[in-house]
Amino acid sequence: YSKEYLPTLIHEFNHSFINHFLDENKYPDYVKELEPAATD
């Protein structure tokens, strides 16, 4: 392994701080507002 693999590790842990914003149970307004543009 080398330092080149660090971005992959950083990437995976970022998901814990990001993904929940598109949880319809927690942030339904975010999902509703973003869906049309994101679908395009």
PDB file of all heavy atoms in Angstrom:
ATOM      1  N   TYR A   1       0.851  -1.179   0.000  1.00  0.00           N
ATOM      2  CA  TYR A   1       0.000   0.000   0.000  1.00  0.00           C
ATOM      3  C   TYR A   1       0.891   1.234   0.000  1.00  0.00           C
ATOM      4  O   TYR A   1       2.033   1.195   0.448  1.00  0.00           O
ATOM      5  CB  TYR A   1      -0.908   0.028   1.233  1.00  0.00           C
ATOM      6  CG  TYR A   1      -1.948  -1.064   1.227  1.00  0.00           C
ATOM      7  CD1 TYR A   1      -1.729  -2.260   1.899  1.00  0.00           C
ATOM      8  CD2 TYR A   1      -3.141  -0.898   0.525  1.00  0.00           C
ATOM      9  CE1 TYR A   1      -2.686  -3.274   1.873  1.00  0.00           C
ATOM     10  CE2 TYR A   1      -4.096  -1.909   0.500  1.00  0.00           C
ATOM     11  CZ  TYR A   1      -3.862  -3.095   1.177  1.00  0.00           C
ATOM     12  OH  TYR A   1      -4.790  -4.083   1.144  1.00  0.00           O
ATOM     13  N   SER A   2       0.330   2.336  -0.501  1.00  0.00           N
ATOM     14  CA  SER A   2       1.040   3.606  -0.491  1.00  0.00           C
ATOM     15  C   SER A   2       0.032   4.698  -0.142  1.00  0.00           C
ATOM     16  O   SER A   2      -1.178   4.454  -0.030  1.00  0.00           O
ATOM     17  CB  SER A   2       1.668   3.888  -1.859  1.00  0.00           C
ATOM     18  OG  SER A   2       0.659   4.142  -2.822  1.00  0.00           O
ATOM     19  N   LYS A   3       0.523   5.927  -0.003  1.00  0.00           N
ATOM     20  CA  LYS A   3      -0.345   7.049   0.332  1.00  0.00           C
ATOM     21  C   LYS A   3      -1.403   7.279  -0.737  1.00  0.00           C
ATOM     22  O   LYS A   3      -2.422   7.927  -0.493  1.00  0.00           O
ATOM     23  CB  LYS A   3       0.499   8.312   0.530  1.00  0.00           C
ATOM     24  CG  LYS A   3      -0.262   9.483   1.137  1.00  0.00           C
ATOM     25  CD  LYS A   3       0.613  10.704   1.277  1.00  0.00           C
ATOM     26  CE  LYS A   3      -0.175  11.891   1.810  1.00  0.00           C
ATOM     27  NZ  LYS A   3       0.653  13.116   1.879  1.00  0.00           N
ATOM     28  N   GLU A   4      -1.178   6.738  -1.945  1.00  0.00           N
ATOM     29  CA  GLU A   4      -2.146   6.893  -3.027  1.00  0.00           C
ATOM     30  C   GLU A   4      -3.499   6.263  -2.692  1.00  0.00           C
ATOM     31  O   GLU A   4      -4.517   6.597  -3.300  1.00  0.00           O
ATOM     32  CB  GLU A   4      -1.603   6.263  -4.306  1.00  0.00           C
ATOM     33  CG  GLU A   4      -0.379   6.976  -4.879  1.00  0.00           C
ATOM     34  CD  GLU A   4       0.170   6.277  -6.105  1.00  0.00           C
ATOM     35  OE1 GLU A   4      -0.430   5.248  -6.510  1.00  0.00           O
ATOM     36  OE2 GLU A   4       1.176   6.739  -6.646  1.00  0.00           O
ATOM     37  N   TYR A   5      -3.520   5.353  -1.715  1.00  0.00           N
ATOM     38  CA  TYR A   5      -4.770   4.697  -1.335  1.00  0.00           C
ATOM     39  C   TYR A   5      -5.560   5.491  -0.302  1.00  0.00           C
ATOM     40  O   TYR A   5      -6.695   5.130   0.017  1.00  0.00           O
ATOM     41  CB  TYR A   5      -4.489   3.291  -0.799  1.00  0.00           C
ATOM     42  CG  TYR A   5      -3.890   2.373  -1.827  1.00  0.00           C
ATOM     43  CD1 TYR A   5      -2.529   2.114  -1.850  1.00  0.00           C
ATOM     44  CD2 TYR A   5      -4.679   1.793  -2.810  1.00  0.00           C
ATOM     45  CE1 TYR A   5      -1.964   1.291  -2.820  1.00  0.00           C
ATOM     46  CE2 TYR A   5      -4.127   0.967  -3.784  1.00  0.00           C
ATOM     47  CZ  TYR A   5      -2.772   0.724  -3.774  1.00  0.00           C
ATOM     48  OH  TYR A   5      -2.224  -0.090  -4.736  1.00  0.00           O
ATOM     49  N   LEU A   6      -4.963   6.582   0.219  1.00  0.00           N
ATOM     50  CA  LEU A   6      -5.636   7.366   1.249  1.00  0.00           C
ATOM     51  C   LEU A   6      -6.950   7.980   0.768  1.00  0.00           C
ATOM     52  O   LEU A   6      -7.937   7.951   1.515  1.00  0.00           O
ATOM     53  CB  LEU A   6      -4.689   8.444   1.785  1.00  0.00           C
ATOM     54  CG  LEU A   6      -5.239   9.334   2.907  1.00  0.00           C
ATOM     55  CD1 LEU A   6      -5.731   8.495   4.074  1.00  0.00           C
ATOM     56  CD2 LEU A   6      -4.166  10.323   3.363  1.00  0.00           C
ATOM     57  N   PRO A   7      -7.021   8.555  -0.447  1.00  0.00           N
ATOM     58  CA  PRO A   7      -8.306   9.116  -0.876  1.00  0.00           C
ATOM     59  C   PRO A   7      -9.470   8.125  -0.833  1.00  0.00           C
ATOM     60  O   PRO A   7     -10.614   8.519  -0.565  1.00  0.00           O
ATOM     61  CB  PRO A   7      -8.021   9.573  -2.325  1.00  0.00           C
ATOM     62  CG  PRO A   7      -6.567   9.914  -2.309  1.00  0.00           C
ATOM     63  CD  PRO A   7      -5.946   8.865  -1.417  1.00  0.00           C
ATOM     64  N   THR A   8      -9.185   6.851  -1.069  1.00  0.00           N
ATOM     65  CA  THR A   8     -10.246   5.845  -0.999  1.00  0.00           C
ATOM     66  C   THR A   8     -10.787   5.729   0.419  1.00  0.00           C
ATOM     67  O   THR A   8     -11.997   5.631   0.636  1.00  0.00           O
ATOM     68  CB  THR A   8      -9.718   4.477  -1.467  1.00  0.00           C
ATOM     69  OG1 THR A   8      -9.276   4.589  -2.822  1.00  0.00           O
ATOM     70  CG2 THR A   8     -10.803   3.420  -1.374  1.00  0.00           C
ATOM     71  N   LEU A   9      -9.898   5.759   1.401  1.00  0.00           N
ATOM     72  CA  LEU A   9     -10.317   5.689   2.798  1.00  0.00           C
ATOM     73  C   LEU A   9     -11.105   6.935   3.180  1.00  0.00           C
ATOM     74  O   LEU A   9     -12.163   6.841   3.825  1.00  0.00           O
ATOM     75  CB  LEU A   9      -9.083   5.545   3.702  1.00  0.00           C
ATOM     76  CG  LEU A   9      -9.341   5.493   5.209  1.00  0.00           C
ATOM     77  CD1 LEU A   9     -10.226   4.305   5.568  1.00  0.00           C
ATOM     78  CD2 LEU A   9      -8.021   5.430   5.970  1.00  0.00           C
ATOM     79  N   ILE A  10     -10.611   8.095   2.787  1.00  0.00           N
ATOM     80  CA  ILE A  10     -11.303   9.342   3.070  1.00  0.00           C
ATOM     81  C   ILE A  10     -12.700   9.306   2.456  1.00  0.00           C
ATOM     82  O   ILE A  10     -13.688   9.713   3.078  1.00  0.00           O
ATOM     83  CB  ILE A  10     -10.507  10.532   2.505  1.00  0.00           C
ATOM     84  CG1 ILE A  10      -9.124  10.589   3.132  1.00  0.00           C
ATOM     85  CG2 ILE A  10     -11.248  11.855   2.761  1.00  0.00           C
ATOM     86  CD1 ILE A  10      -8.152  11.484   2.388  1.00  0.00           C
ATOM     87  N   HIS A  11     -12.777   8.807   1.251  1.00  0.00           N
ATOM     88  CA  HIS A  11     -14.037   8.694   0.512  1.00  0.00           C
ATOM     89  C   HIS A  11     -15.076   7.904   1.315  1.00  0.00           C
ATOM     90  O   HIS A  11     -16.202   8.380   1.528  1.00  0.00           O
ATOM     91  CB  HIS A  11     -13.751   7.998  -0.821  1.00  0.00           C
ATOM     92  CG  HIS A  11     -14.967   7.720  -1.646  1.00  0.00           C
ATOM     93  ND1 HIS A  11     -15.120   8.198  -2.928  1.00  0.00           N
ATOM     94  CD2 HIS A  11     -16.088   6.988  -1.392  1.00  0.00           C
ATOM     95  CE1 HIS A  11     -16.274   7.795  -3.414  1.00  0.00           C
ATOM     96  NE2 HIS A  11     -16.880   7.040  -2.505  1.00  0.00           N
ATOM     97  N   GLU A  12     -14.722   6.717   1.744  1.00  0.00           N
ATOM     98  CA  GLU A  12     -15.700   5.834   2.378  1.00  0.00           C
ATOM     99  C   GLU A  12     -16.283   6.437   3.653  1.00  0.00           C
ATOM    100  O   GLU A  12     -17.490   6.357   3.894  1.00  0.00           O
ATOM    101  CB  GLU A  12     -15.082   4.464   2.665  1.00  0.00           C
ATOM    102  CG  GLU A  12     -14.675   3.685   1.421  1.00  0.00           C
ATOM    103  CD  GLU A  12     -15.816   3.417   0.463  1.00  0.00           C
ATOM    104  OE1 GLU A  12     -16.987   3.508   0.869  1.00  0.00           O
ATOM    105  OE2 GLU A  12     -15.539   3.140  -0.711  1.00  0.00           O
ATOM    106  N   PHE A  13     -15.461   7.064   4.485  1.00  0.00           N
ATOM    107  CA  PHE A  13     -15.961   7.617   5.732  1.00  0.00           C
ATOM    108  C   PHE A  13     -16.792   8.883   5.513  1.00  0.00           C
ATOM    109  O   PHE A  13     -17.625   9.243   6.347  1.00  0.00           O
ATOM    110  CB  PHE A  13     -14.804   7.898   6.695  1.00  0.00           C
ATOM    111  CG  PHE A  13     -14.223   6.643   7.305  1.00  0.00           C
ATOM    112  CD1 PHE A  13     -12.890   6.579   7.667  1.00  0.00           C
ATOM    113  CD2 PHE A  13     -15.009   5.527   7.523  1.00  0.00           C
ATOM    114  CE1 PHE A  13     -12.346   5.432   8.238  1.00  0.00           C
ATOM    115  CE2 PHE A  13     -14.478   4.368   8.083  1.00  0.00           C
ATOM    116  CZ  PHE A  13     -13.145   4.321   8.438  1.00  0.00           C
ATOM    117  N   ASN A  14     -16.570   9.576   4.391  1.00  0.00           N
ATOM    118  CA  ASN A  14     -17.393  10.750   4.087  1.00  0.00           C
ATOM    119  C   ASN A  14     -18.866  10.387   3.958  1.00  0.00           C
ATOM    120  O   ASN A  14     -19.743  11.202   4.260  1.00  0.00           O
ATOM    121  CB  ASN A  14     -16.914  11.408   2.786  1.00  0.00           C
ATOM    122  CG  ASN A  14     -15.920  12.516   3.022  1.00  0.00           C
ATOM    123  OD1 ASN A  14     -16.145  13.419   3.818  1.00  0.00           O
ATOM    124  ND2 ASN A  14     -14.802  12.461   2.330  1.00  0.00           N
ATOM    125  N   HIS A  15     -19.138   9.174   3.497  1.00  0.00           N
ATOM    126  CA  HIS A  15     -20.526   8.772   3.298  1.00  0.00           C
ATOM    127  C   HIS A  15     -21.348   8.883   4.583  1.00  0.00           C
ATOM    128  O   HIS A  15     -22.552   9.176   4.528  1.00  0.00           O
ATOM    129  CB  HIS A  15     -20.591   7.339   2.767  1.00  0.00           C
ATOM    130  CG  HIS A  15     -20.378   7.231   1.295  1.00  0.00           C
ATOM    131  ND1 HIS A  15     -21.265   7.745   0.370  1.00  0.00           N
ATOM    132  CD2 HIS A  15     -19.369   6.683   0.564  1.00  0.00           C
ATOM    133  CE1 HIS A  15     -20.832   7.517  -0.848  1.00  0.00           C
ATOM    134  NE2 HIS A  15     -19.681   6.869  -0.767  1.00  0.00           N
ATOM    135  N   SER A  16     -20.723   8.679   5.720  1.00  0.00           N
ATOM    136  CA  SER A  16     -21.452   8.717   6.987  1.00  0.00           C
ATOM    137  C   SER A  16     -21.971  10.116   7.305  1.00  0.00           C
ATOM    138  O   SER A  16     -22.923  10.267   8.079  1.00  0.00           O
ATOM    139  CB  SER A  16     -20.537   8.255   8.126  1.00  0.00           C
ATOM    140  OG  SER A  16     -20.090   6.945   7.901  1.00  0.00           O
ATOM    141  N   PHE A  17     -21.354  11.132   6.721  1.00  0.00           N
ATOM    142  CA  PHE A  17     -21.755  12.506   6.974  1.00  0.00           C
ATOM    143  C   PHE A  17     -22.625  13.074   5.857  1.00  0.00           C
ATOM    144  O   PHE A  17     -23.158  14.169   5.988  1.00  0.00           O
ATOM    145  CB  PHE A  17     -20.503  13.389   7.124  1.00  0.00           C
ATOM    146  CG  PHE A  17     -19.661  13.061   8.305  1.00  0.00           C
ATOM    147  CD1 PHE A  17     -18.689  12.069   8.233  1.00  0.00           C
ATOM    148  CD2 PHE A  17     -19.823  13.730   9.515  1.00  0.00           C
ATOM    149  CE1 PHE A  17     -17.887  11.767   9.330  1.00  0.00           C
ATOM    150  CE2 PHE A  17     -19.038  13.434  10.616  1.00  0.00           C
ATOM    151  CZ  PHE A  17     -18.068  12.447  10.521  1.00  0.00           C
ATOM    152  N   ILE A  18     -22.773  12.321   4.761  1.00  0.00           N
ATOM    153  CA  ILE A  18     -23.451  12.831   3.579  1.00  0.00           C
ATOM    154  C   ILE A  18     -24.775  12.123   3.282  1.00  0.00           C
ATOM    155  O   ILE A  18     -25.801  12.766   3.046  1.00  0.00           O
ATOM    156  CB  ILE A  18     -22.524  12.688   2.338  1.00  0.00           C
ATOM    157  CG1 ILE A  18     -21.325  13.629   2.440  1.00  0.00           C
ATOM    158  CG2 ILE A  18     -23.300  12.930   1.049  1.00  0.00           C
ATOM    159  CD1 ILE A  18     -21.647  15.085   2.314  1.00  0.00           C
ATOM    160  N   ASN A  19     -24.762  10.802   3.304  1.00  0.00           N
ATOM    161  CA  ASN A  19     -25.888  10.038   2.753  1.00  0.00           C
ATOM    162  C   ASN A  19     -27.228  10.313   3.432  1.00  0.00           C
ATOM    163  O   ASN A  19     -28.280  10.278   2.788  1.00  0.00           O
ATOM    164  CB  ASN A  19     -25.590   8.533   2.824  1.00  0.00           C
ATOM    165  CG  ASN A  19     -24.534   8.106   1.824  1.00  0.00           C
ATOM    166  OD1 ASN A  19     -23.789   8.919   1.287  1.00  0.00           O
ATOM    167  ND2 ASN A  19     -24.446   6.815   1.584  1.00  0.00           N
ATOM    168  N   HIS A  20     -27.219  10.590   4.719  1.00  0.00           N
ATOM    169  CA  HIS A  20     -28.484  10.701   5.451  1.00  0.00           C
ATOM    170  C   HIS A  20     -29.321  11.903   5.022  1.00  0.00           C
ATOM    171  O   HIS A  20     -30.527  11.949   5.276  1.00  0.00           O
ATOM    172  CB  HIS A  20     -28.233  10.756   6.959  1.00  0.00           C
ATOM    173  CG  HIS A  20     -27.455  11.941   7.418  1.00  0.00           C
ATOM    174  ND1 HIS A  20     -26.086  12.012   7.293  1.00  0.00           N
ATOM    175  CD2 HIS A  20     -27.845  13.108   7.987  1.00  0.00           C
ATOM    176  CE1 HIS A  20     -25.669  13.173   7.793  1.00  0.00           C
ATOM    177  NE2 HIS A  20     -26.710  13.851   8.198  1.00  0.00           N
ATOM    178  N   PHE A  21     -28.700  12.880   4.321  1.00  0.00           N
ATOM    179  CA  PHE A  21     -29.468  14.044   3.891  1.00  0.00           C
ATOM    180  C   PHE A  21     -30.489  13.699   2.806  1.00  0.00           C
ATOM    181  O   PHE A  21     -31.407  14.478   2.538  1.00  0.00           O
ATOM    182  CB  PHE A  21     -28.532  15.146   3.383  1.00  0.00           C
ATOM    183  CG  PHE A  21     -27.702  15.772   4.468  1.00  0.00           C
ATOM    184  CD1 PHE A  21     -26.319  15.740   4.416  1.00  0.00           C
ATOM    185  CD2 PHE A  21     -28.309  16.387   5.560  1.00  0.00           C
ATOM    186  CE1 PHE A  21     -25.550  16.309   5.415  1.00  0.00           C
ATOM    187  CE2 PHE A  21     -27.552  16.964   6.569  1.00  0.00           C
ATOM    188  CZ  PHE A  21     -26.173  16.924   6.497  1.00  0.00           C
ATOM    189  N   LEU A  22     -30.344  12.543   2.181  1.00  0.00           N
ATOM    190  CA  LEU A  22     -31.310  12.108   1.185  1.00  0.00           C
ATOM    191  C   LEU A  22     -32.161  10.941   1.688  1.00  0.00           C
ATOM    192  O   LEU A  22     -32.705  10.158   0.901  1.00  0.00           O
ATOM    193  CB  LEU A  22     -30.597  11.740  -0.121  1.00  0.00           C
ATOM    194  CG  LEU A  22     -29.957  12.942  -0.843  1.00  0.00           C
ATOM    195  CD1 LEU A  22     -29.309  12.496  -2.144  1.00  0.00           C
ATOM    196  CD2 LEU A  22     -30.967  14.051  -1.094  1.00  0.00           C
ATOM    197  N   ASP A  23     -32.272  10.847   3.004  1.00  0.00           N
ATOM    198  CA  ASP A  23     -33.169   9.884   3.632  1.00  0.00           C
ATOM    199  C   ASP A  23     -34.556  10.529   3.698  1.00  0.00           C
ATOM    200  O   ASP A  23     -34.753  11.545   4.376  1.00  0.00           O
ATOM    201  CB  ASP A  23     -32.673   9.549   5.040  1.00  0.00           C
ATOM    202  CG  ASP A  23     -33.509   8.489   5.730  1.00  0.00           C
ATOM    203  OD1 ASP A  23     -34.698   8.332   5.382  1.00  0.00           O
ATOM    204  OD2 ASP A  23     -32.982   7.825   6.643  1.00  0.00           O
ATOM    205  N   GLU A  24     -35.508   9.967   2.971  1.00  0.00           N
ATOM    206  CA  GLU A  24     -36.841  10.564   2.892  1.00  0.00           C
ATOM    207  C   GLU A  24     -37.526  10.664   4.248  1.00  0.00           C
ATOM    208  O   GLU A  24     -38.384  11.528   4.446  1.00  0.00           O
ATOM    209  CB  GLU A  24     -37.709   9.748   1.929  1.00  0.00           C
ATOM    210  CG  GLU A  24     -37.260   9.855   0.478  1.00  0.00           C
ATOM    211  CD  GLU A  24     -38.144   9.060  -0.456  1.00  0.00           C
ATOM    212  OE1 GLU A  24     -39.008   8.316   0.051  1.00  0.00           O
ATOM    213  OE2 GLU A  24     -37.977   9.186  -1.676  1.00  0.00           O
ATOM    214  N   ASN A  25     -37.173   9.802   5.175  1.00  0.00           N
ATOM    215  CA  ASN A  25     -37.786   9.846   6.510  1.00  0.00           C
ATOM    216  C   ASN A  25     -37.242  10.994   7.355  1.00  0.00           C
ATOM    217  O   ASN A  25     -37.948  11.516   8.221  1.00  0.00           O
ATOM    218  CB  ASN A  25     -37.564   8.518   7.236  1.00  0.00           C
ATOM    219  CG  ASN A  25     -38.258   7.364   6.554  1.00  0.00           C
ATOM    220  OD1 ASN A  25     -39.394   7.488   6.105  1.00  0.00           O
ATOM    221  ND2 ASN A  25     -37.580   6.227   6.455  1.00  0.00           N
ATOM    222  N   LYS A  26     -36.003  11.387   7.089  1.00  0.00           N
ATOM    223  CA  LYS A  26     -35.380  12.445   7.890  1.00  0.00           C
ATOM    224  C   LYS A  26     -35.447  13.814   7.218  1.00  0.00           C
ATOM    225  O   LYS A  26     -35.645  14.831   7.888  1.00  0.00           O
ATOM    226  CB  LYS A  26     -33.912  12.074   8.158  1.00  0.00           C
ATOM    227  CG  LYS A  26     -33.723  10.828   9.007  1.00  0.00           C
ATOM    228  CD  LYS A  26     -32.241  10.527   9.208  1.00  0.00           C
ATOM    229  CE  LYS A  26     -32.033   9.293  10.058  1.00  0.00           C
ATOM    230  NZ  LYS A  26     -30.587   8.971  10.243  1.00  0.00           N
ATOM    231  N   TYR A  27     -35.276  13.837   5.899  1.00  0.00           N
ATOM    232  CA  TYR A  27     -35.228  15.107   5.172  1.00  0.00           C
ATOM    233  C   TYR A  27     -36.114  15.033   3.918  1.00  0.00           C
ATOM    234  O   TYR A  27     -35.629  15.138   2.795  1.00  0.00           O
ATOM    235  CB  TYR A  27     -33.784  15.436   4.770  1.00  0.00           C
ATOM    236  CG  TYR A  27     -32.832  15.614   5.930  1.00  0.00           C
ATOM    237  CD1 TYR A  27     -32.082  14.540   6.408  1.00  0.00           C
ATOM    238  CD2 TYR A  27     -32.683  16.854   6.540  1.00  0.00           C
ATOM    239  CE1 TYR A  27     -31.211  14.699   7.482  1.00  0.00           C
ATOM    240  CE2 TYR A  27     -31.806  17.029   7.612  1.00  0.00           C
ATOM    241  CZ  TYR A  27     -31.083  15.943   8.071  1.00  0.00           C
ATOM    242  OH  TYR A  27     -30.213  16.110   9.137  1.00  0.00           O
ATOM    243  N   PRO A  28     -37.416  14.868   4.100  1.00  0.00           N
ATOM    244  CA  PRO A  28     -38.309  14.732   2.935  1.00  0.00           C
ATOM    245  C   PRO A  28     -38.297  15.956   2.017  1.00  0.00           C
ATOM    246  O   PRO A  28     -38.425  15.814   0.803  1.00  0.00           O
ATOM    247  CB  PRO A  28     -39.689  14.521   3.571  1.00  0.00           C
ATOM    248  CG  PRO A  28     -39.575  15.098   4.956  1.00  0.00           C
ATOM    249  CD  PRO A  28     -38.160  14.819   5.378  1.00  0.00           C
ATOM    250  N   ASP A  29     -38.135  17.144   2.587  1.00  0.00           N
ATOM    251  CA  ASP A  29     -38.129  18.358   1.763  1.00  0.00           C
ATOM    252  C   ASP A  29     -36.893  18.415   0.875  1.00  0.00           C
ATOM    253  O   ASP A  29     -36.965  18.858  -0.280  1.00  0.00           O
ATOM    254  CB  ASP A  29     -38.186  19.605   2.650  1.00  0.00           C
ATOM    255  CG  ASP A  29     -39.531  19.743   3.363  1.00  0.00           C
ATOM    256  OD1 ASP A  29     -40.511  19.119   2.902  1.00  0.00           O
ATOM    257  OD2 ASP A  29     -39.594  20.450   4.385  1.00  0.00           O
ATOM    258  N   TYR A  30     -35.747  17.986   1.408  1.00  0.00           N
ATOM    259  CA  TYR A  30     -34.519  17.957   0.608  1.00  0.00           C
ATOM    260  C   TYR A  30     -34.695  17.032  -0.595  1.00  0.00           C
ATOM    261  O   TYR A  30     -34.335  17.377  -1.728  1.00  0.00           O
ATOM    262  CB  TYR A  30     -33.336  17.458   1.452  1.00  0.00           C
ATOM    263  CG  TYR A  30     -32.780  18.453   2.446  1.00  0.00           C
ATOM    264  CD1 TYR A  30     -33.308  19.730   2.575  1.00  0.00           C
ATOM    265  CD2 TYR A  30     -31.714  18.098   3.272  1.00  0.00           C
ATOM    266  CE1 TYR A  30     -32.794  20.625   3.490  1.00  0.00           C
ATOM    267  CE2 TYR A  30     -31.182  18.992   4.188  1.00  0.00           C
ATOM    268  CZ  TYR A  30     -31.723  20.256   4.306  1.00  0.00           C
ATOM    269  OH  TYR A  30     -31.206  21.141   5.207  1.00  0.00           O
ATOM    270  N   VAL A  31     -35.258  15.863  -0.325  1.00  0.00           N
ATOM    271  CA  VAL A  31     -35.439  14.864  -1.383  1.00  0.00           C
ATOM    272  C   VAL A  31     -36.394  15.387  -2.449  1.00  0.00           C
ATOM    273  O   VAL A  31     -36.115  15.305  -3.657  1.00  0.00           O
ATOM    274  CB  VAL A  31     -35.965  13.540  -0.797  1.00  0.00           C
ATOM    275  CG1 VAL A  31     -36.307  12.553  -1.910  1.00  0.00           C
ATOM    276  CG2 VAL A  31     -34.931  12.934   0.148  1.00  0.00           C
ATOM    277  N   LYS A  32     -37.504  15.953  -2.023  1.00  0.00           N
ATOM    278  CA  LYS A  32     -38.516  16.444  -2.950  1.00  0.00           C
ATOM    279  C   LYS A  32     -37.979  17.569  -3.829  1.00  0.00           C
ATOM    280  O   LYS A  32     -38.244  17.618  -5.035  1.00  0.00           O
ATOM    281  CB  LYS A  32     -39.737  16.931  -2.166  1.00  0.00           C
ATOM    282  CG  LYS A  32     -40.882  17.402  -3.043  1.00  0.00           C
ATOM    283  CD  LYS A  32     -42.077  17.827  -2.192  1.00  0.00           C
ATOM    284  CE  LYS A  32     -43.228  18.322  -3.064  1.00  0.00           C
ATOM    285  NZ  LYS A  32     -44.394  18.753  -2.237  1.00  0.00           N
ATOM    286  N   GLU A  33     -37.201  18.479  -3.223  1.00  0.00           N
ATOM    287  CA  GLU A  33     -36.710  19.635  -3.965  1.00  0.00           C
ATOM    288  C   GLU A  33     -35.595  19.260  -4.937  1.00  0.00           C
ATOM    289  O   GLU A  33     -35.484  19.830  -6.023  1.00  0.00           O
ATOM    290  CB  GLU A  33     -36.205  20.702  -2.984  1.00  0.00           C
ATOM    291  CG  GLU A  33     -35.866  22.017  -3.654  1.00  0.00           C
ATOM    292  CD  GLU A  33     -35.500  23.108  -2.664  1.00  0.00           C
ATOM    293  OE1 GLU A  33     -35.560  22.855  -1.438  1.00  0.00           O
ATOM    294  OE2 GLU A  33     -35.148  24.203  -3.118  1.00  0.00           O
ATOM    295  N   LEU A  34     -34.778  18.296  -4.561  1.00  0.00           N
ATOM    296  CA  LEU A  34     -33.606  17.947  -5.371  1.00  0.00           C
ATOM    297  C   LEU A  34     -33.908  16.935  -6.462  1.00  0.00           C
ATOM    298  O   LEU A  34     -33.242  16.909  -7.508  1.00  0.00           O
ATOM    299  CB  LEU A  34     -32.508  17.404  -4.446  1.00  0.00           C
ATOM    300  CG  LEU A  34     -31.149  17.058  -5.055  1.00  0.00           C
ATOM    301  CD1 LEU A  34     -30.580  18.242  -5.839  1.00  0.00           C
ATOM    302  CD2 LEU A  34     -30.185  16.632  -3.959  1.00  0.00           C
ATOM    303  N   GLU A  35     -34.932  16.120  -6.262  1.00  0.00           N
ATOM    304  CA  GLU A  35     -35.171  14.982  -7.166  1.00  0.00           C
ATOM    305  C   GLU A  35     -35.289  15.333  -8.650  1.00  0.00           C
ATOM    306  O   GLU A  35     -34.651  14.672  -9.486  1.00  0.00           O
ATOM    307  CB  GLU A  35     -36.414  14.211  -6.715  1.00  0.00           C
ATOM    308  CG  GLU A  35     -36.670  12.968  -7.559  1.00  0.00           C
ATOM    309  CD  GLU A  35     -37.795  12.112  -7.013  1.00  0.00           C
ATOM    310  OE1 GLU A  35     -38.489  12.552  -6.069  1.00  0.00           O
ATOM    311  OE2 GLU A  35     -37.969  10.997  -7.531  1.00  0.00           O
ATOM    312  N   PRO A  36     -36.065  16.348  -9.060  1.00  0.00           N
ATOM    313  CA  PRO A  36     -36.204  16.603 -10.503  1.00  0.00           C
ATOM    314  C   PRO A  36     -34.879  16.915 -11.187  1.00  0.00           C
ATOM    315  O   PRO A  36     -34.553  16.326 -12.231  1.00  0.00           O
ATOM    316  CB  PRO A  36     -37.160  17.802 -10.548  1.00  0.00           C
ATOM    317  CG  PRO A  36     -37.935  17.727  -9.282  1.00  0.00           C
ATOM    318  CD  PRO A  36     -36.951  17.228  -8.263  1.00  0.00           C
ATOM    319  N   ALA A  37     -34.098  17.838 -10.620  1.00  0.00           N
ATOM    320  CA  ALA A  37     -32.820  18.209 -11.236  1.00  0.00           C
ATOM    321  C   ALA A  37     -31.840  17.050 -11.201  1.00  0.00           C
ATOM    322  O   ALA A  37     -31.139  16.779 -12.182  1.00  0.00           O
ATOM    323  CB  ALA A  37     -32.232  19.418 -10.510  1.00  0.00           C
ATOM    324  N   ALA A  38     -31.780  16.357 -10.065  1.00  0.00           N
ATOM    325  CA  ALA A  38     -30.842  15.249  -9.926  1.00  0.00           C
ATOM    326  C   ALA A  38     -31.205  14.095 -10.853  1.00  0.00           C
ATOM    327  O   ALA A  38     -30.325  13.396 -11.363  1.00  0.00           O
ATOM    328  CB  ALA A  38     -30.809  14.776  -8.478  1.00  0.00           C
ATOM    329  N   THR A  39     -32.485  13.901 -11.085  1.00  0.00           N
ATOM    330  CA  THR A  39     -32.925  12.858 -12.011  1.00  0.00           C
ATOM    331  C   THR A  39     -32.461  13.178 -13.429  1.00  0.00           C
ATOM    332  O   THR A  39     -32.019  12.287 -14.172  1.00  0.00           O
ATOM    333  CB  THR A  39     -34.457  12.714 -11.976  1.00  0.00           C
ATOM    334  OG1 THR A  39     -34.864  12.331 -10.657  1.00  0.00           O
ATOM    335  CG2 THR A  39     -34.924  11.659 -12.971  1.00  0.00           C
ATOM    336  N   ASP A  40     -32.556  14.452 -13.811  1.00  0.00           N
ATOM    337  CA  ASP A  40     -32.066  14.858 -15.136  1.00  0.00           C
ATOM    338  C   ASP A  40     -30.569  14.581 -15.272  1.00  0.00           C
ATOM    339  O   ASP A  40     -30.113  14.069 -16.308  1.00  0.00           O
ATOM    340  CB  ASP A  40     -32.328  16.347 -15.359  1.00  0.00           C
ATOM    341  CG  ASP A  40     -33.780  16.641 -15.699  1.00  0.00           C
ATOM    342  OD1 ASP A  40     -34.518  15.682 -16.012  1.00  0.00           O
ATOM    343  OD2 ASP A  40     -34.175  17.816 -15.645  1.00  0.00           O
TER     344      ASP A  40
END
